[in-house]
């Protein structure tokens, strides 16, 4: 899925007293965006809930999610979020790293409706107009996943993209640039990989592993 679109860098302040998902929706509401990418770092939380990949409970999925993991006071070290829509309402999908107060650092898939900030935090990222991430049923994986829809005029400097399962990550990104006519691109986003081989010969062989791009 690929949609070239208009975009701009954005900066918003996320409020306390409501869920993280509500705080993001509230902050972006005046900006008339169709989708967005946001990152926050060093954010104090009063409650954070998350899950990590786990074995599937049935034969209709290749993997599933763990039981909910949670803690009270702590800090989000780095979180990346795609902000889109689901069933007509705002919805975000985020991966990140966090540390409970006095605890051990962890990573995972944040449950934004069940997470609350302890203090306002500035989120920075990219706002998109003309392309929308919409969460709906994906027949290949039998999950509800973000898919990309063009909903406005085609742009030239930004694009929303979704890579399909079982593609080579680097080759797929090269294909995106080629389709857009771009010699190169800065890439922001999150996803899950089904194994990986690194340049230093290390091999990642596990359940689908969630990732956050930190060097674009």
Protein backbone atom coordinates (compact mmCIF):
# COMPACT_ATOMS: atom_id res chain seq x y z
CA UNK A 1 0.00 0.00 0.00
CA UNK A 2 1.44 3.37 -0.98
CA UNK A 3 0.06 6.91 -1.22
CA UNK A 4 2.12 10.01 -1.98
CA UNK A 5 0.67 12.97 -0.11
CA UNK A 6 1.25 16.39 1.40
CA UNK A 7 2.88 16.67 4.79
CA UNK A 8 4.67 18.88 7.28
CA UNK A 9 6.66 18.59 10.47
CA UNK A 10 4.56 19.09 13.58
CA UNK A 11 4.99 19.61 17.31
CA UNK A 12 2.19 19.24 19.85
CA UNK A 13 1.85 19.04 23.62
CA UNK A 14 0.13 15.97 25.03
CA UNK A 15 -2.04 16.56 28.09
CA UNK A 16 -2.41 14.68 31.36
CA UNK A 17 -5.59 13.49 33.07
CA UNK A 18 -6.78 11.48 30.06
CA UNK A 19 -5.49 8.40 28.25
CA UNK A 20 -2.50 8.73 25.95
CA UNK A 21 -4.72 7.93 22.97
CA UNK A 22 -7.15 10.70 23.95
CA UNK A 23 -4.26 13.12 24.54
CA UNK A 24 -2.94 12.50 21.03
CA UNK A 25 -6.39 12.86 19.47
CA UNK A 26 -7.01 16.09 21.39
CA UNK A 27 -3.65 17.59 20.43
CA UNK A 28 -4.03 16.80 16.71
CA UNK A 29 -7.72 17.75 16.37
CA UNK A 30 -7.14 21.42 15.43
CA UNK A 31 -4.58 20.54 12.75
CA UNK A 32 -6.92 19.01 10.13
CA UNK A 33 -4.61 16.07 9.42
CA UNK A 34 -5.54 12.74 7.88
CA UNK A 35 -2.78 10.78 9.64
CA UNK A 36 0.38 11.46 11.58
CA UNK A 37 3.64 10.06 12.88
CA UNK A 38 4.59 11.14 16.42
CA UNK A 39 7.53 10.42 18.71
CA UNK A 40 7.99 11.19 22.39
CA UNK A 41 11.03 10.71 24.61
CA UNK A 42 11.63 11.06 28.32
CA UNK A 43 7.93 11.16 29.20
CA UNK A 44 6.88 10.52 32.80
CA UNK A 45 3.82 8.25 33.17
CA UNK A 46 1.49 7.48 36.05
CA UNK A 47 0.33 4.23 34.42
CA UNK A 48 1.51 2.28 31.40
CA UNK A 49 0.12 -0.93 29.88
CA UNK A 50 1.69 -2.91 27.05
CA UNK A 51 1.97 -6.31 25.41
CA UNK A 52 4.71 -8.20 23.55
CA UNK A 53 4.49 -10.92 20.88
CA UNK A 54 3.57 -14.40 22.10
CA UNK A 55 2.60 -17.80 20.72
CA UNK A 56 -0.77 -17.93 18.95
CA UNK A 57 -3.63 -19.60 20.83
CA UNK A 58 -5.05 -21.09 17.61
CA UNK A 59 -4.04 -22.17 14.10
CA UNK A 60 -5.46 -19.07 12.42
CA UNK A 61 -2.60 -16.76 13.45
CA UNK A 62 1.18 -17.08 13.26
CA UNK A 63 1.53 -15.22 16.56
CA UNK A 64 -0.47 -13.39 19.19
CA UNK A 65 0.01 -11.03 22.11
CA UNK A 66 1.09 -11.73 25.67
CA UNK A 67 -1.08 -11.02 28.66
CA UNK A 68 -1.13 -7.31 29.47
CA UNK A 69 1.96 -6.12 31.31
CA UNK A 70 1.57 -2.97 33.39
CA UNK A 71 3.22 -0.66 35.87
CA UNK A 72 2.41 2.60 37.64
CA UNK A 73 4.99 5.36 37.90
CA UNK A 74 7.76 5.23 35.34
CA UNK A 75 9.05 6.78 32.16
CA UNK A 76 8.63 6.31 28.41
CA UNK A 77 12.18 6.36 27.10
CA UNK A 78 11.22 6.45 23.41
CA UNK A 79 7.86 5.84 21.75
CA UNK A 80 6.86 6.01 18.09
CA UNK A 81 3.19 6.17 17.09
CA UNK A 82 1.28 5.95 13.82
CA UNK A 83 -1.94 7.89 14.25
CA UNK A 84 -4.81 6.89 11.99
CA UNK A 85 -8.42 5.74 12.13
CA UNK A 86 -10.39 2.65 13.10
CA UNK A 87 -14.13 2.30 12.55
CA UNK A 88 -14.37 6.04 12.02
CA UNK A 89 -12.58 7.01 15.25
CA UNK A 90 -9.02 8.05 16.01
CA UNK A 91 -6.67 5.13 16.67
CA UNK A 92 -2.95 4.90 17.28
CA UNK A 93 -0.44 2.07 17.08
CA UNK A 94 2.77 2.53 19.04
CA UNK A 95 5.99 0.65 19.81
CA UNK A 96 8.56 1.81 22.29
CA UNK A 97 10.83 1.36 25.27
CA UNK A 98 10.04 2.29 28.87
CA UNK A 99 11.30 1.90 32.41
CA UNK A 100 9.21 1.49 35.57
CA UNK A 101 10.45 3.57 38.50
CA UNK A 102 13.04 1.41 40.23
CA UNK A 103 12.49 -1.36 37.67
CA UNK A 104 14.02 -2.93 34.60
CA UNK A 105 13.77 -1.36 31.12
CA UNK A 106 11.37 -3.11 28.74
CA UNK A 107 10.00 -2.75 25.23
CA UNK A 108 6.73 -3.58 23.54
CA UNK A 109 3.45 -2.56 21.94
CA UNK A 110 1.84 0.19 24.01
CA UNK A 111 -1.84 0.04 24.96
CA UNK A 112 -2.52 3.75 24.56
CA UNK A 113 -6.12 3.72 25.88
CA UNK A 114 -4.76 2.26 29.14
CA UNK A 115 -1.74 4.54 29.52
CA UNK A 116 -1.67 7.97 31.21
CA UNK A 117 1.03 10.61 31.28
CA UNK A 118 2.13 12.04 34.63
CA UNK A 119 3.17 15.39 33.12
CA UNK A 120 2.60 17.14 29.78
CA UNK A 121 5.08 16.14 27.09
CA UNK A 122 5.99 17.49 23.68
CA UNK A 123 5.49 15.09 20.77
CA UNK A 124 7.19 15.74 17.45
CA UNK A 125 6.66 14.17 14.07
CA UNK A 126 5.00 14.49 10.69
CA UNK A 127 1.41 15.34 9.81
CA UNK A 128 -0.02 13.90 6.59
CA UNK A 129 -2.81 15.27 4.41
CA UNK A 130 -4.23 13.21 1.56
CA UNK A 131 -3.23 9.78 2.89
CA UNK A 132 -4.79 7.90 5.77
CA UNK A 133 -3.80 4.89 7.83
CA UNK A 134 -7.04 2.99 8.46
CA UNK A 135 -7.12 -0.12 10.68
CA UNK A 136 -9.21 -2.92 9.20
CA UNK A 137 -9.19 -6.68 8.64
CA UNK A 138 -6.23 -8.03 6.68
CA UNK A 139 -7.11 -11.34 5.05
CA UNK A 140 -3.52 -12.55 4.67
CA UNK A 141 -2.64 -12.30 8.37
CA UNK A 142 -6.13 -12.51 9.90
CA UNK A 143 -5.30 -9.45 12.01
CA UNK A 144 -6.74 -5.96 11.99
CA UNK A 145 -3.89 -3.83 10.65
CA UNK A 146 -3.31 -0.32 9.37
CA UNK A 147 -3.78 -0.09 5.62
CA UNK A 148 -3.08 2.99 3.49
CA UNK A 149 -5.79 4.89 1.61
CA UNK A 150 -5.39 7.89 -0.64
CA UNK A 151 -8.08 10.40 0.29
CA UNK A 152 -6.78 13.57 -1.35
CA UNK A 153 -4.55 14.97 -4.10
CA UNK A 154 -1.21 13.26 -4.65
CA UNK A 155 1.75 15.05 -3.08
CA UNK A 156 5.42 15.06 -3.99
CA UNK A 157 7.45 15.23 -0.76
CA UNK A 158 5.77 12.77 1.62
CA UNK A 159 4.16 9.35 1.40
CA UNK A 160 2.42 6.80 3.59
CA UNK A 161 3.43 3.20 2.96
CA UNK A 162 2.62 -0.25 4.29
CA UNK A 163 5.01 -3.13 3.61
CA UNK A 164 3.36 -6.51 3.17
CA UNK A 165 4.32 -9.66 5.10
CA UNK A 166 7.34 -11.77 4.09
CA UNK A 167 9.07 -9.06 2.08
CA UNK A 168 12.74 -8.26 2.43
CA UNK A 169 12.67 -5.00 4.35
CA UNK A 170 15.45 -3.16 2.53
CA UNK A 171 14.38 -4.35 -0.92
CA UNK A 172 10.78 -3.34 -0.24
CA UNK A 173 11.84 0.17 0.80
CA UNK A 174 13.94 0.46 -2.36
CA UNK A 175 10.79 -0.47 -4.29
CA UNK A 176 8.80 2.24 -2.53
CA UNK A 177 11.37 4.88 -3.49
CA UNK A 178 11.41 3.63 -7.07
CA UNK A 179 7.62 3.78 -7.30
CA UNK A 180 7.67 7.35 -6.02
CA UNK A 181 10.53 8.39 -8.28
CA UNK A 182 12.68 9.31 -5.30
CA UNK A 183 16.45 8.65 -5.20
CA UNK A 184 16.28 8.17 -1.41
CA UNK A 185 14.05 8.87 1.58
CA UNK A 186 14.00 9.35 5.33
CA UNK A 187 11.92 6.53 6.80
CA UNK A 188 9.88 6.74 9.99
CA UNK A 189 7.72 3.99 11.38
CA UNK A 190 7.12 0.80 13.28
CA UNK A 191 6.36 -2.78 12.41
CA UNK A 192 7.16 -6.43 13.07
CA UNK A 193 9.78 -8.61 11.41
CA UNK A 194 9.64 -12.34 10.78
CA UNK A 195 13.31 -13.01 11.45
CA UNK A 196 16.32 -10.95 10.39
CA UNK A 197 19.94 -11.34 9.31
CA UNK A 198 22.32 -8.54 10.26
CA UNK A 199 25.45 -7.30 8.52
CA UNK A 200 27.60 -8.59 11.41
CA UNK A 201 26.21 -12.13 10.71
CA UNK A 202 23.94 -12.22 13.76
CA UNK A 203 20.56 -13.88 13.14
CA UNK A 204 17.26 -12.98 14.80
CA UNK A 205 15.15 -16.13 14.91
CA UNK A 206 12.15 -15.76 17.19
CA UNK A 207 8.47 -14.94 17.29
CA UNK A 208 7.59 -11.87 15.23
CA UNK A 209 9.69 -9.09 16.72
CA UNK A 210 8.30 -5.58 17.00
CA UNK A 211 10.54 -2.69 16.04
CA UNK A 212 10.72 1.10 16.10
CA UNK A 213 12.90 2.92 13.59
CA UNK A 214 15.15 5.30 15.53
CA UNK A 215 17.67 6.20 12.81
CA UNK A 216 15.82 7.37 9.71
